PDB file of N, CA and C in Angstrom:
ATOM      1  N   UNK A   1     184.822 143.665  72.239  1.00  0.00           N
ATOM      2  CA  UNK A   1     184.161 143.293  72.998  1.00  0.00           C
ATOM      3  C   UNK A   1     184.035 143.977  74.158  1.00  0.00           C
ATOM      4  N   UNK A   2     182.812 144.250  74.789  1.00  0.00           N
ATOM      5  CA  UNK A   2     183.019 145.414  75.689  1.00  0.00           C
ATOM      6  C   UNK A   2     183.218 144.393  77.214  1.00  0.00           C
ATOM      7  N   UNK A   3     183.639 144.833  78.212  1.00  0.00           N
ATOM      8  CA  UNK A   3     183.992 144.578  79.637  1.00  0.00           C
ATOM      9  C   UNK A   3     182.978 145.504  80.217  1.00  0.00           C
ATOM     10  N   UNK A   4     182.675 144.441  81.658  1.00  0.00           N
ATOM     11  CA  UNK A   4     181.927 145.104  82.553  1.00  0.00           C
ATOM     12  C   UNK A   4     182.447 144.983  83.670  1.00  0.00           C
ATOM     13  N   UNK A   5     182.538 145.984  84.371  1.00  0.00           N
ATOM     14  CA  UNK A   5     183.767 145.964  85.723  1.00  0.00           C
ATOM     15  C   UNK A   5     182.350 145.978  87.071  1.00  0.00           C
ATOM     16  N   UNK A   6     182.647 145.190  87.450  1.00  0.00           N
ATOM     17  CA  UNK A   6     182.158 145.153  89.090  1.00  0.00           C
ATOM     18  C   UNK A   6     183.208 145.767  90.134  1.00  0.00           C
ATOM     19  N   UNK A   7     182.672 146.640  90.888  1.00  0.00           N
ATOM     20  CA  UNK A   7     183.019 147.074  91.946  1.00  0.00           C
ATOM     21  C   UNK A   7     182.892 145.599  93.222  1.00  0.00           C
ATOM     22  N   UNK A   8     184.421 144.848  93.154  1.00  0.00           N
ATOM     23  CA  UNK A   8     184.480 143.691  94.416  1.00  0.00           C
ATOM     24  C   UNK A   8     183.930 144.442  95.453  1.00  0.00           C
ATOM     25  N   UNK A   9     183.831 145.770  96.125  1.00  0.00           N
ATOM     26  CA  UNK A   9     183.448 146.299  97.233  1.00  0.00           C
ATOM     27  C   UNK A   9     181.972 146.218  97.214  1.00  0.00           C
ATOM     28  N   UNK A  10     180.979 146.616  96.164  1.00  0.00           N
ATOM     29  CA  UNK A  10     179.427 145.896  96.107  1.00  0.00           C
ATOM     30  C   UNK A  10     179.569 144.556  96.369  1.00  0.00           C
ATOM     31  N   UNK A  11     179.822 144.078  95.727  1.00  0.00           N
ATOM     32  CA  UNK A  11     179.894 142.400  95.716  1.00  0.00           C
ATOM     33  C   UNK A  11     180.537 141.512  97.578  1.00  0.00           C
ATOM     34  N   UNK A  12     180.985 142.329  98.075  1.00  0.00           N
ATOM     35  CA  UNK A  12     181.379 141.948  99.505  1.00  0.00           C
ATOM     36  C   UNK A  12     180.262 142.333 100.216  1.00  0.00           C
ATOM     37  N   UNK A  13     179.900 143.756  99.864  1.00  0.00           N
ATOM     38  CA  UNK A  13     178.891 144.058 101.357  1.00  0.00           C
ATOM     39  C   UNK A  13     177.272 143.314 101.132  1.00  0.00           C
ATOM     40  N   UNK A  14     177.162 142.720  99.879  1.00  0.00           N
ATOM     41  CA  UNK A  14     176.142 141.787  99.370  1.00  0.00           C
ATOM     42  C   UNK A  14     176.473 140.528 100.253  1.00  0.00           C
ATOM     43  N   UNK A  15     177.843 140.289 100.044  1.00  0.00           N
ATOM     44  CA  UNK A  15     178.169 138.767 100.646  1.00  0.00           C
ATOM     45  C   UNK A  15     177.457 138.823 101.998  1.00  0.00           C
ATOM     46  N   UNK A  16     177.735 140.369 102.747  1.00  0.00           N
ATOM     47  CA  UNK A  16     178.043 140.325 104.097  1.00  0.00           C
ATOM     48  C   UNK A  16     177.020 140.357 104.592  1.00  0.00           C
ATOM     49  N   UNK A  17     175.927 140.745 103.789  1.00  0.00           N
ATOM     50  CA  UNK A  17     174.556 140.923 104.407  1.00  0.00           C
ATOM     51  C   UNK A  17     173.809 139.373 103.950  1.00  0.00           C
ATOM     52  N   UNK A  18     174.281 138.861 103.011  1.00  0.00           N
ATOM     53  CA  UNK A  18     173.893 137.385 102.952  1.00  0.00           C
ATOM     54  C   UNK A  18     174.204 136.666 103.667  1.00  0.00           C
ATOM     55  N   UNK A  19     175.733 136.872 104.308  1.00  0.00           N
ATOM     56  CA  UNK A  19     175.730 136.029 105.570  1.00  0.00           C
ATOM     57  C   UNK A  19     175.180 136.763 106.603  1.00  0.00           C
ATOM     58  N   UNK A  20     175.023 137.541 106.645  1.00  0.00           N
ATOM     59  CA  UNK A  20     174.242 138.396 108.028  1.00  0.00           C
ATOM     60  C   UNK A  20     172.528 137.743 108.006  1.00  0.00           C
ATOM     61  N   UNK A  21     172.267 137.542 107.428  1.00  0.00           N
ATOM     62  CA  UNK A  21     170.763 137.288 107.246  1.00  0.00           C
ATOM     63  C   UNK A  21     171.009 135.977 107.285  1.00  0.00           C
ATOM     64  N   UNK A  22     171.693 134.570 106.597  1.00  0.00           N
ATOM     65  CA  UNK A  22     171.455 133.795 107.188  1.00  0.00           C
ATOM     66  C   UNK A  22     171.791 133.193 109.321  1.00  0.00           C
ATOM     67  N   UNK A  23     172.712 134.100 109.322  1.00  0.00           N
ATOM     68  CA  UNK A  23     173.017 133.947 110.830  1.00  0.00           C
ATOM     69  C   UNK A  23     171.881 134.685 111.290  1.00  0.00           C
ATOM     70  N   UNK A  24     171.206 135.199 111.338  1.00  0.00           N
ATOM     71  CA  UNK A  24     170.004 135.768 111.617  1.00  0.00           C
ATOM     72  C   UNK A  24     169.015 134.357 111.286  1.00  0.00           C
ATOM     73  N   UNK A  25     168.860 133.515 110.636  1.00  0.00           N
ATOM     74  CA  UNK A  25     167.689 132.255 110.111  1.00  0.00           C
ATOM     75  C   UNK A  25     167.924 131.875 110.881  1.00  0.00           C
ATOM     76  N   UNK A  26     169.442 131.149 111.225  1.00  0.00           N
ATOM     77  CA  UNK A  26     169.933 130.110 111.883  1.00  0.00           C
ATOM     78  C   UNK A  26     169.059 130.601 113.310  1.00  0.00           C
ATOM     79  N   UNK A  27     169.466 131.707 114.067  1.00  0.00           N
ATOM     80  CA  UNK A  27     169.039 131.684 115.062  1.00  0.00           C
ATOM     81  C   UNK A  27     168.081 131.995 115.014  1.00  0.00           C
ATOM     82  N   UNK A  28     167.017 132.254 114.071  1.00  0.00           N
ATOM     83  CA  UNK A  28     165.604 132.284 114.772  1.00  0.00           C
ATOM     84  C   UNK A  28     165.231 130.648 114.689  1.00  0.00           C
ATOM     85  N   UNK A  29     165.942 130.093 113.860  1.00  0.00           N
ATOM     86  CA  UNK A  29     165.343 128.468 113.688  1.00  0.00           C
ATOM     87  C   UNK A  29     166.012 128.013 115.413  1.00  0.00           C
ATOM     88  N   UNK A  30     167.216 127.899 115.726  1.00  0.00           N
ATOM     89  CA  UNK A  30     167.596 127.726 116.616  1.00  0.00           C
ATOM     90  C   UNK A  30     166.374 127.645 117.813  1.00  0.00           C
ATOM     91  N   UNK A  31     166.050 129.284 118.225  1.00  0.00           N
ATOM     92  CA  UNK A  31     165.416 129.767 119.107  1.00  0.00           C
ATOM     93  C   UNK A  31     163.806 128.880 118.765  1.00  0.00           C
ATOM     94  N   UNK A  32     163.488 128.546 117.441  1.00  0.00           N
ATOM     95  CA  UNK A  32     161.984 127.851 117.445  1.00  0.00           C
ATOM     96  C   UNK A  32     162.326 126.254 117.663  1.00  0.00           C
ATOM     97  N   UNK A  33     163.482 126.308 117.587  1.00  0.00           N
ATOM     98  CA  UNK A  33     163.722 124.424 117.981  1.00  0.00           C
ATOM     99  C   UNK A  33     163.338 124.126 119.285  1.00  0.00           C
ATOM    100  N   UNK A  34     164.151 125.531 119.912  1.00  0.00           N
ATOM    101  CA  UNK A  34     164.069 124.975 121.876  1.00  0.00           C
ATOM    102  C   UNK A  34     163.287 125.409 122.217  1.00  0.00           C
ATOM    103  N   UNK A  35     161.980 126.124 121.647  1.00  0.00           N
ATOM    104  CA  UNK A  35     161.080 126.351 121.839  1.00  0.00           C
ATOM    105  C   UNK A  35     159.700 125.023 121.951  1.00  0.00           C
ATOM    106  N   UNK A  36     160.286 124.782 120.789  1.00  0.00           N
ATOM    107  CA  UNK A  36     159.682 123.297 120.191  1.00  0.00           C
ATOM    108  C   UNK A  36     159.681 122.483 121.445  1.00  0.00           C
ATOM    109  N   UNK A  37     161.511 122.191 121.508  1.00  0.00           N
ATOM    110  CA  UNK A  37     161.234 121.109 122.524  1.00  0.00           C
ATOM    111  C   UNK A  37     160.798 121.421 124.076  1.00  0.00           C
ATOM    112  N   UNK A  38     160.679 122.651 124.154  1.00  0.00           N
ATOM    113  CA  UNK A  38     159.929 123.073 125.652  1.00  0.00           C
ATOM    114  C   UNK A  38     158.977 122.613 125.381  1.00  0.00           C
ATOM    115  N   UNK A  39     158.310 122.770 124.471  1.00  0.00           N
ATOM    116  CA  UNK A  39     157.155 122.384 124.701  1.00  0.00           C
ATOM    117  C   UNK A  39     156.261 120.637 124.719  1.00  0.00           C
ATOM    118  N   UNK A  40     157.154 120.548 123.757  1.00  0.00           N
ATOM    119  CA  UNK A  40     157.383 119.016 123.547  1.00  0.00           C
ATOM    120  C   UNK A  40     157.707 118.332 125.403  1.00  0.00           C
ATOM    121  N   UNK A  41     158.187 118.766 125.775  1.00  0.00           N
ATOM    122  CA  UNK A  41     158.786 118.576 127.281  1.00  0.00           C
ATOM    123  C   UNK A  41     157.479 118.558 128.228  1.00  0.00           C
ATOM    124  N   UNK A  42     156.921 119.749 128.285  1.00  0.00           N
ATOM    125  CA  UNK A  42     155.555 120.059 128.756  1.00  0.00           C
ATOM    126  C   UNK A  42     154.743 119.661 128.771  1.00  0.00           C
ATOM    127  N   UNK A  43     154.421 119.020 127.277  1.00  0.00           N
ATOM    128  CA  UNK A  43     153.000 118.355 126.918  1.00  0.00           C
ATOM    129  C   UNK A  43     153.672 116.719 127.181  1.00  0.00           C
ATOM    130  N   UNK A  44     154.525 116.144 127.122  1.00  0.00           N
ATOM    131  CA  UNK A  44     154.827 114.818 128.164  1.00  0.00           C
ATOM    132  C   UNK A  44     154.591 114.618 129.278  1.00  0.00           C
ATOM    133  N   UNK A  45     155.107 116.046 130.120  1.00  0.00           N
ATOM    134  CA  UNK A  45     154.645 115.790 131.683  1.00  0.00           C
ATOM    135  C   UNK A  45     153.392 115.598 131.603  1.00  0.00           C
ATOM    136  N   UNK A  46     152.738 116.931 131.125  1.00  0.00           N
ATOM    137  CA  UNK A  46     151.189 117.237 131.225  1.00  0.00           C
ATOM    138  C   UNK A  46     150.524 115.643 131.110  1.00  0.00           C
ATOM    139  N   UNK A  47     151.170 115.319 129.960  1.00  0.00           N
ATOM    140  CA  UNK A  47     150.452 113.485 129.594  1.00  0.00           C
ATOM    141  C   UNK A  47     150.439 112.636 130.843  1.00  0.00           C
ATOM    142  N   UNK A  48     151.490 112.308 131.398  1.00  0.00           N
ATOM    143  CA  UNK A  48     152.446 111.343 132.606  1.00  0.00           C
ATOM    144  C   UNK A  48     150.875 111.577 133.496  1.00  0.00           C
ATOM    145  N   UNK A  49     151.120 113.241 133.925  1.00  0.00           N
ATOM    146  CA  UNK A  49     150.379 113.559 134.933  1.00  0.00           C
ATOM    147  C   UNK A  49     148.907 113.030 134.645  1.00  0.00           C
ATOM    148  N   UNK A  50     148.566 113.264 133.781  1.00  0.00           N
ATOM    149  CA  UNK A  50     147.518 112.770 133.063  1.00  0.00           C
ATOM    150  C   UNK A  50     146.800 111.474 133.748  1.00  0.00           C
ATOM    151  N   UNK A  51     147.934 110.828 133.097  1.00  0.00           N
ATOM    152  CA  UNK A  51     147.895 108.939 133.647  1.00  0.00           C
ATOM    153  C   UNK A  51     147.922 108.822 135.109  1.00  0.00           C
ATOM    154  N   UNK A  52     149.185 109.412 135.697  1.00  0.00           N
ATOM    155  CA  UNK A  52     148.930 109.221 137.110  1.00  0.00           C
ATOM    156  C   UNK A  52     147.528 109.777 137.952  1.00  0.00           C
ATOM    157  N   UNK A  53     147.249 110.884 137.644  1.00  0.00           N
ATOM    158  CA  UNK A  53     145.997 110.815 138.285  1.00  0.00           C
ATOM    159  C   UNK A  53     144.624 110.003 138.070  1.00  0.00           C
ATOM    160  N   UNK A  54     144.550 109.182 136.660  1.00  0.00           N
ATOM    161  CA  UNK A  54     144.047 108.733 136.408  1.00  0.00           C
ATOM    162  C   UNK A  54     143.799 107.535 136.899  1.00  0.00           C
ATOM    163  N   UNK A  55     145.220 107.160 137.349  1.00  0.00           N
ATOM    164  CA  UNK A  55     145.964 105.553 138.384  1.00  0.00           C
ATOM    165  C   UNK A  55     144.691 106.066 139.683  1.00  0.00           C
ATOM    166  N   UNK A  56     145.147 106.908 140.265  1.00  0.00           N
ATOM    167  CA  UNK A  56     144.883 107.212 140.888  1.00  0.00           C
ATOM    168  C   UNK A  56     143.087 107.190 141.611  1.00  0.00           C
ATOM    169  N   UNK A  57     142.712 107.653 140.354  1.00  0.00           N
ATOM    170  CA  UNK A  57     141.156 107.661 140.579  1.00  0.00           C
ATOM    171  C   UNK A  57     140.510 106.280 140.507  1.00  0.00           C
ATOM    172  N   UNK A  58     141.366 105.556 139.080  1.00  0.00           N
ATOM    173  CA  UNK A  58     141.292 104.183 139.754  1.00  0.00           C
ATOM    174  C   UNK A  58     141.509 103.161 140.503  1.00  0.00           C
ATOM    175  N   UNK A  59     142.105 103.298 141.378  1.00  0.00           N
ATOM    176  CA  UNK A  59     142.514 103.404 142.417  1.00  0.00           C
ATOM    177  C   UNK A  59     141.514 103.276 143.959  1.00  0.00           C
ATOM    178  N   UNK A  60     140.897 104.835 143.924  1.00  0.00           N
ATOM    179  CA  UNK A  60     140.454 104.987 144.919  1.00  0.00           C
ATOM    180  C   UNK A  60     138.559 104.347 144.599  1.00  0.00           C
ATOM    181  N   UNK A  61     138.398 104.148 143.254  1.00  0.00           N
ATOM    182  CA  UNK A  61     137.098 103.867 143.018  1.00  0.00           C
ATOM    183  C   UNK A  61     137.514 102.530 143.027  1.00  0.00           C
ATOM    184  N   UNK A  62     138.256 101.221 142.766  1.00  0.00           N
ATOM    185  CA  UNK A  62     138.156 100.162 143.410  1.00  0.00           C
ATOM    186  C   UNK A  62     137.990  99.968 144.682  1.00  0.00           C
ATOM    187  N   UNK A  63     138.698 100.949 144.973  1.00  0.00           N
ATOM    188  CA  UNK A  63     138.502 100.211 146.354  1.00  0.00           C
ATOM    189  C   UNK A  63     137.290 100.656 147.676  1.00  0.00           C
ATOM    190  N   UNK A  64     136.581 101.379 146.582  1.00  0.00           N
ATOM    191  CA  UNK A  64     134.892 102.421 147.418  1.00  0.00           C
ATOM    192  C   UNK A  64     134.337 100.916 146.915  1.00  0.00           C
ATOM    193  N   UNK A  65     134.471 100.531 145.888  1.00  0.00           N
ATOM    194  CA  UNK A  65     133.555  99.241 145.245  1.00  0.00           C
ATOM    195  C   UNK A  65     133.966  98.065 146.091  1.00  0.00           C
ATOM    196  N   UNK A  66     134.691  97.807 146.477  1.00  0.00           N
ATOM    197  CA  UNK A  66     135.303  96.970 147.734  1.00  0.00           C
ATOM    198  C   UNK A  66     134.813  97.007 148.629  1.00  0.00           C
ATOM    199  N   UNK A  67     134.534  98.160 149.530  1.00  0.00           N
ATOM    200  CA  UNK A  67     134.014  98.253 150.972  1.00  0.00           C
ATOM    201  C   UNK A  67     132.829  98.600 150.466  1.00  0.00           C
ATOM    202  N   UNK A  68     132.116  98.721 149.290  1.00  0.00           N
ATOM    203  CA  UNK A  68     130.412  98.878 149.487  1.00  0.00           C
ATOM    204  C   UNK A  68     130.297  97.399 149.088  1.00  0.00           C
ATOM    205  N   UNK A  69     131.226  96.810 148.337  1.00  0.00           N
ATOM    206  CA  UNK A  69     130.764  95.081 148.094  1.00  0.00           C
ATOM    207  C   UNK A  69     130.886  94.350 149.589  1.00  0.00           C
ATOM    208  N   UNK A  70     131.672  94.707 150.474  1.00  0.00           N
ATOM    209  CA  UNK A  70     132.371  94.103 151.759  1.00  0.00           C
ATOM    210  C   UNK A  70     131.003  94.633 152.629  1.00  0.00           C
ATOM    211  N   UNK A  71     130.417  95.594 152.772  1.00  0.00           N
ATOM    212  CA  UNK A  71     129.141  95.920 153.499  1.00  0.00           C
ATOM    213  C   UNK A  71     127.490  95.505 152.967  1.00  0.00           C
ATOM    214  N   UNK A  72     127.627  95.320 151.941  1.00  0.00           N
ATOM    215  CA  UNK A  72     126.655  94.775 150.946  1.00  0.00           C
ATOM    216  C   UNK A  72     126.969  93.006 151.658  1.00  0.00           C
ATOM    217  N   UNK A  73     127.766  92.454 151.780  1.00  0.00           N
ATOM    218  CA  UNK A  73     127.983  91.064 151.796  1.00  0.00           C
ATOM    219  C   UNK A  73     127.704  90.832 153.317  1.00  0.00           C
ATOM    220  N   UNK A  74     127.901  91.761 154.326  1.00  0.00           N
ATOM    221  CA  UNK A  74     127.836  91.849 155.840  1.00  0.00           C
ATOM    222  C   UNK A  74     126.878  92.267 156.019  1.00  0.00           C
ATOM    223  N   UNK A  75     125.774  93.190 155.325  1.00  0.00           N
ATOM    224  CA  UNK A  75     124.299  92.934 155.237  1.00  0.00           C
ATOM    225  C   UNK A  75     123.565  91.599 154.948  1.00  0.00           C
ATOM    226  N   UNK A  76     124.109  91.304 154.191  1.00  0.00           N
ATOM    227  CA  UNK A  76     123.056  90.368 153.704  1.00  0.00           C
ATOM    228  C   UNK A  76     122.706  88.924 154.768  1.00  0.00           C
TER     229      UNK A  76
END
């Protein structure tokens, strides 16, 4: 029966590289997640700002319509 001897040093370095690649992947994933979270926050803020601007425009238009209606009513 033949025995195959494997140097444990070779396996240890392989495990170390695997561990390092796993740690690097975890770091990249964390960075991507952080960037994504910041992007989502920016989009939410932009959406809320847009809604606020729409409300302001609606209020201004409504006020102008009321003024015009009052002028037309006073002229009639």
